[in-house]
Amino acid sequence: MNDLVMVTIKVGGPDYDIPLGRRDGLTFATRNATLANLPAPSSNTSTLLTSLATKNLNATDVVALSGGHTIGISHCTSFEDRLYPTQDPTMDKTFASDLKGTCPTSNYTNTTVLDIRSPDRFDNKYYVDLMNRQGLFTSDQDLYTDTRTRDIVKSFAVNQSLFFEKFVFSMIKMGQLSVLTGTQGEVRANCSVRNSDNTYLVTVVEEDLETLSELR
C-alpha cells in the first residue's frame, strides 16, 4: 500500500497516512485468487455494487476507487467487446474510431491509456472522460450511465478536492478488509517479501510485477 501511495503522490495525487499495525500474510495471493476479488472490465454498475457491497463498500466507494483509472494502461483485449462486432452505443463515436485504430480485431498486444485527457496525472479528468462517453471499460462508463452513481461521477468531475477526499477515505477503508489478528500472519522485516524469503526478494517482486502486468 505504501508503494501505491508514493506512486500516486508522484503523479499529482493525494498524500495521506496509512494506518499502521496491519499484519502481513504468510503467502502471496495467486493470480486466480486476485482475479476472483476484482470485478471484470466488462462488469456493469449493478455487478460492481453487488460485489463490493460484500466488502462493506458503498456506491461512493465504488466510484472513488474507480478513479484510480486516471492513470495506467490497458490491453485491447480488456475492452474489445465494446468495439467488435458492434460498437457499444454508450461510447463516443470519435473515441471509438480512435480505439479501433489502436486495436484492430483480434489484437492481443496493443495497449492504450485509461484516461485520454491526462494519462500521466492523478486527477479528476477520468470523470470528465465518463461524462463525455469516453470511459474505456464498461465498468467505467456505466458509472455515468447508471442513475445510482451518475451524480457521484458529476460531483467528482467538477471538484477534484472532493474526489481526493473520498478516494483517500475509500482506500483506507479497503485497507482494513480481512485484517489478520493474534498469531495470524507476520510482521515483515521487508514489506515486499516474506520473512522466510528474504534472500529471494528480487524474485518475489518480479513475480508480483508480472502478475500486475497480466491483469491490465
Protein backbone atom coordinates (compact mmCIF):
# COMPACT_ATOMS: atom_id res chain seq x y z
CA MET A 1 0.00 0.00 0.00
CA ASN A 2 2.86 2.38 0.82
CA ASP A 3 4.30 1.95 -2.69
CA LEU A 4 0.91 2.75 -4.21
CA VAL A 5 0.65 5.96 -2.18
CA MET A 6 4.14 7.03 -3.29
CA VAL A 7 3.31 6.45 -6.96
CA THR A 8 0.05 8.38 -6.56
CA ILE A 9 1.83 11.35 -4.97
CA LYS A 10 4.49 11.46 -7.71
CA VAL A 11 1.85 11.93 -10.39
CA GLY A 12 -0.15 14.57 -8.54
CA GLY A 13 -2.44 12.53 -6.33
CA PRO A 14 -3.29 12.96 -2.64
CA ASP A 15 -0.79 12.34 0.14
CA TYR A 16 -2.20 10.50 3.14
CA ASP A 17 -1.14 8.46 6.14
CA ILE A 18 -1.77 4.73 6.08
CA PRO A 19 -2.97 3.28 9.41
CA LEU A 20 -0.17 1.20 10.91
CA GLY A 21 -0.24 -2.17 12.65
CA ARG A 22 -1.66 -4.43 9.96
CA ARG A 23 -0.04 -7.87 9.84
CA ASP A 24 1.05 -9.43 6.54
CA GLY A 25 0.01 -12.81 5.23
CA LEU A 26 2.34 -15.81 5.10
CA THR A 27 1.56 -16.41 1.44
CA PHE A 28 1.05 -14.23 -1.61
CA ALA A 29 -2.29 -14.30 -3.37
CA THR A 30 -2.38 -16.37 -6.54
CA ARG A 31 -3.43 -14.85 -9.84
CA ASN A 32 -6.76 -16.69 -9.71
CA ALA A 33 -7.45 -15.53 -6.15
CA THR A 34 -6.66 -11.95 -7.13
CA LEU A 35 -8.93 -12.06 -10.18
CA ALA A 36 -11.73 -13.56 -8.11
CA ASN A 37 -11.73 -10.42 -5.97
CA LEU A 38 -11.55 -7.95 -8.85
CA PRO A 39 -14.63 -7.10 -10.93
CA ALA A 40 -14.02 -7.65 -14.64
CA PRO A 41 -13.68 -4.65 -17.01
CA SER A 42 -16.92 -5.84 -18.62
CA SER A 43 -18.85 -5.56 -15.33
CA ASN A 44 -21.76 -3.15 -15.18
CA THR A 45 -22.56 -0.96 -12.19
CA SER A 46 -25.03 -3.43 -10.72
CA THR A 47 -22.31 -6.08 -10.64
CA LEU A 48 -19.84 -3.65 -9.08
CA LEU A 49 -22.23 -2.52 -6.37
CA THR A 50 -23.33 -6.05 -5.51
CA SER A 51 -19.80 -7.44 -5.48
CA LEU A 52 -18.24 -4.67 -3.42
CA ALA A 53 -21.17 -4.43 -1.01
CA THR A 54 -20.00 -7.79 0.33
CA LYS A 55 -16.83 -5.95 1.38
CA ASN A 56 -18.78 -3.11 3.01
CA LEU A 57 -18.03 -0.70 0.16
CA ASN A 58 -20.87 1.58 -0.97
CA ALA A 59 -21.62 3.45 -4.21
CA THR A 60 -19.38 6.39 -3.32
CA ASP A 61 -16.53 4.00 -2.54
CA VAL A 62 -17.03 2.24 -5.87
CA VAL A 63 -16.93 5.48 -7.88
CA ALA A 64 -14.00 6.90 -5.90
CA LEU A 65 -11.88 3.75 -6.18
CA SER A 66 -12.65 3.51 -9.90
CA GLY A 67 -10.95 6.90 -10.15
CA GLY A 68 -7.67 5.03 -9.86
CA HIS A 69 -8.11 4.57 -13.61
CA THR A 70 -6.98 8.17 -14.01
CA ILE A 71 -3.53 6.63 -14.63
CA GLY A 72 -2.41 3.39 -16.23
CA ILE A 73 -2.87 1.44 -19.44
CA SER A 74 -4.95 -1.47 -20.68
CA HIS A 75 -4.57 -4.18 -23.29
CA CYS A 76 -7.09 -4.06 -26.13
CA THR A 77 -8.48 -7.43 -25.09
CA SER A 78 -9.94 -5.86 -21.94
CA PHE A 79 -12.41 -3.71 -23.88
CA GLU A 80 -12.60 -5.11 -27.42
CA ASP A 81 -16.14 -6.34 -26.69
CA ARG A 82 -17.18 -2.67 -26.75
CA LEU A 83 -15.83 -2.27 -30.30
CA TYR A 84 -16.48 -5.59 -32.04
CA PRO A 85 -18.58 -6.97 -33.59
CA THR A 86 -20.76 -3.93 -32.92
CA GLN A 87 -19.86 -0.69 -31.19
CA ASP A 88 -21.19 -0.01 -27.70
CA PRO A 89 -23.80 2.76 -28.20
CA THR A 90 -22.71 4.45 -24.96
CA MET A 91 -19.24 5.10 -26.42
CA ASP A 92 -18.42 8.39 -28.14
CA LYS A 93 -18.06 7.73 -31.89
CA THR A 94 -14.79 9.59 -32.36
CA PHE A 95 -13.32 7.92 -29.29
CA ALA A 96 -14.42 4.51 -30.62
CA SER A 97 -12.90 5.23 -34.02
CA ASP A 98 -9.56 6.13 -32.44
CA LEU A 99 -9.63 2.95 -30.36
CA LYS A 100 -10.30 0.82 -33.43
CA GLY A 101 -7.17 2.32 -34.99
CA THR A 102 -5.16 1.28 -31.96
CA CYS A 103 -6.94 -2.04 -31.51
CA PRO A 104 -7.74 -3.83 -34.77
CA THR A 105 -9.68 -7.06 -34.41
CA SER A 106 -8.02 -9.93 -32.57
CA ASN A 107 -5.06 -7.84 -31.38
CA TYR A 108 -3.58 -9.27 -28.19
CA THR A 109 -0.58 -7.00 -27.65
CA ASN A 110 -1.52 -3.35 -28.23
CA THR A 111 -2.34 -1.09 -25.31
CA THR A 112 -3.91 2.29 -24.71
CA VAL A 113 -4.23 4.70 -21.79
CA LEU A 114 -7.13 4.54 -19.37
CA ASP A 115 -7.60 8.33 -19.23
CA ILE A 116 -7.26 10.17 -22.55
CA ARG A 117 -7.21 13.68 -21.04
CA SER A 118 -4.34 13.39 -18.58
CA PRO A 119 -2.93 9.85 -18.72
CA ASP A 120 0.13 10.66 -16.62
CA ARG A 121 -1.56 12.71 -13.90
CA PHE A 122 -3.59 11.55 -10.93
CA ASP A 123 -6.51 13.96 -11.14
CA ASN A 124 -10.27 14.06 -11.70
CA LYS A 125 -10.19 14.06 -15.52
CA TYR A 126 -11.21 10.39 -15.55
CA TYR A 127 -14.69 11.52 -14.51
CA VAL A 128 -14.73 14.16 -17.24
CA ASP A 129 -13.99 11.32 -19.66
CA LEU A 130 -17.05 9.45 -18.40
CA MET A 131 -19.30 12.48 -18.84
CA ASN A 132 -18.09 12.70 -22.45
CA ARG A 133 -18.74 8.98 -23.03
CA GLN A 134 -15.01 8.29 -23.24
CA GLY A 135 -14.65 5.72 -20.47
CA LEU A 136 -12.54 2.79 -21.66
CA PHE A 137 -14.17 -0.14 -19.84
CA THR A 138 -17.84 -0.97 -19.44
CA SER A 139 -17.17 -0.85 -15.69
CA ASP A 140 -16.01 2.76 -16.14
CA GLN A 141 -18.62 4.18 -18.50
CA ASP A 142 -21.57 2.52 -16.80
CA LEU A 143 -20.85 4.55 -13.66
CA TYR A 144 -22.14 7.56 -15.58
CA THR A 145 -24.91 5.68 -17.39
CA ASP A 146 -26.37 4.25 -14.18
CA THR A 147 -28.53 6.75 -12.27
CA ARG A 148 -27.36 5.37 -8.92
CA THR A 149 -23.80 6.57 -9.49
CA ARG A 150 -24.13 9.34 -12.10
CA ASP A 151 -24.38 12.21 -9.63
CA ILE A 152 -21.29 10.97 -7.79
CA VAL A 153 -19.37 10.97 -11.09
CA LYS A 154 -20.55 14.52 -11.77
CA SER A 155 -19.53 15.73 -8.32
CA PHE A 156 -16.00 14.37 -8.73
CA ALA A 157 -15.72 15.75 -12.27
CA VAL A 158 -16.23 19.32 -11.05
CA ASN A 159 -14.48 19.04 -7.68
CA GLN A 160 -11.06 17.39 -7.60
CA SER A 161 -10.61 18.05 -3.88
CA LEU A 162 -13.81 16.12 -3.17
CA PHE A 163 -12.57 13.22 -5.30
CA PHE A 164 -9.24 13.16 -3.47
CA GLU A 165 -11.01 13.24 -0.10
CA LYS A 166 -13.32 10.34 -0.97
CA PHE A 167 -10.54 8.38 -2.68
CA VAL A 168 -8.37 8.54 0.45
CA PHE A 169 -11.30 7.54 2.67
CA SER A 170 -12.17 4.58 0.45
CA MET A 171 -8.56 3.43 0.14
CA ILE A 172 -8.14 3.41 3.91
CA LYS A 173 -11.48 1.62 4.25
CA MET A 174 -10.42 -1.01 1.72
CA GLY A 175 -7.10 -1.44 3.50
CA GLN A 176 -8.96 -2.50 6.63
CA LEU A 177 -10.56 -5.53 4.98
CA SER A 178 -9.70 -9.04 6.20
CA VAL A 179 -7.32 -7.85 8.90
CA LEU A 180 -5.15 -10.59 10.43
CA THR A 181 -5.11 -10.71 14.23
CA GLY A 182 -3.38 -12.56 17.05
CA THR A 183 -0.90 -15.11 15.76
CA GLN A 184 -2.17 -14.90 12.17
CA GLY A 185 0.34 -13.74 9.58
CA GLU A 186 3.58 -11.98 10.45
CA VAL A 187 5.19 -8.57 10.84
CA ARG A 188 7.60 -8.47 7.90
CA ALA A 189 11.10 -7.09 8.12
CA ASN A 190 10.65 -6.03 4.49
CA CYS A 191 7.13 -5.24 3.27
CA SER A 192 7.76 -6.73 -0.18
CA VAL A 193 8.90 -10.19 0.89
CA ARG A 194 8.01 -12.89 3.40
CA ASN A 195 10.39 -13.14 6.35
CA SER A 196 11.32 -16.67 5.30
CA ASP A 197 12.21 -15.49 1.79
CA ASN A 198 14.49 -12.52 2.43
CA THR A 199 17.17 -13.94 0.12
CA TYR A 200 14.67 -14.11 -2.73
CA LEU A 201 13.47 -10.50 -2.67
CA VAL A 202 14.07 -9.80 -6.36
CA THR A 203 12.29 -12.98 -7.46
CA VAL A 204 9.19 -12.25 -5.38
CA VAL A 205 8.93 -8.64 -6.56
CA GLU A 206 9.35 -9.68 -10.19
CA GLU A 207 6.56 -12.25 -9.79
CA ASP A 208 4.26 -9.55 -8.39
CA LEU A 209 5.05 -7.16 -11.24
CA GLU A 210 4.38 -9.89 -13.80
CA THR A 211 1.01 -10.63 -12.19
CA LEU A 212 0.05 -6.94 -12.24
CA SER A 213 1.04 -6.70 -15.90
CA GLU A 214 -1.20 -9.66 -16.77
CA LEU A 215 -4.15 -8.04 -15.00
CA ARG A 216 -4.04 -4.89 -17.15
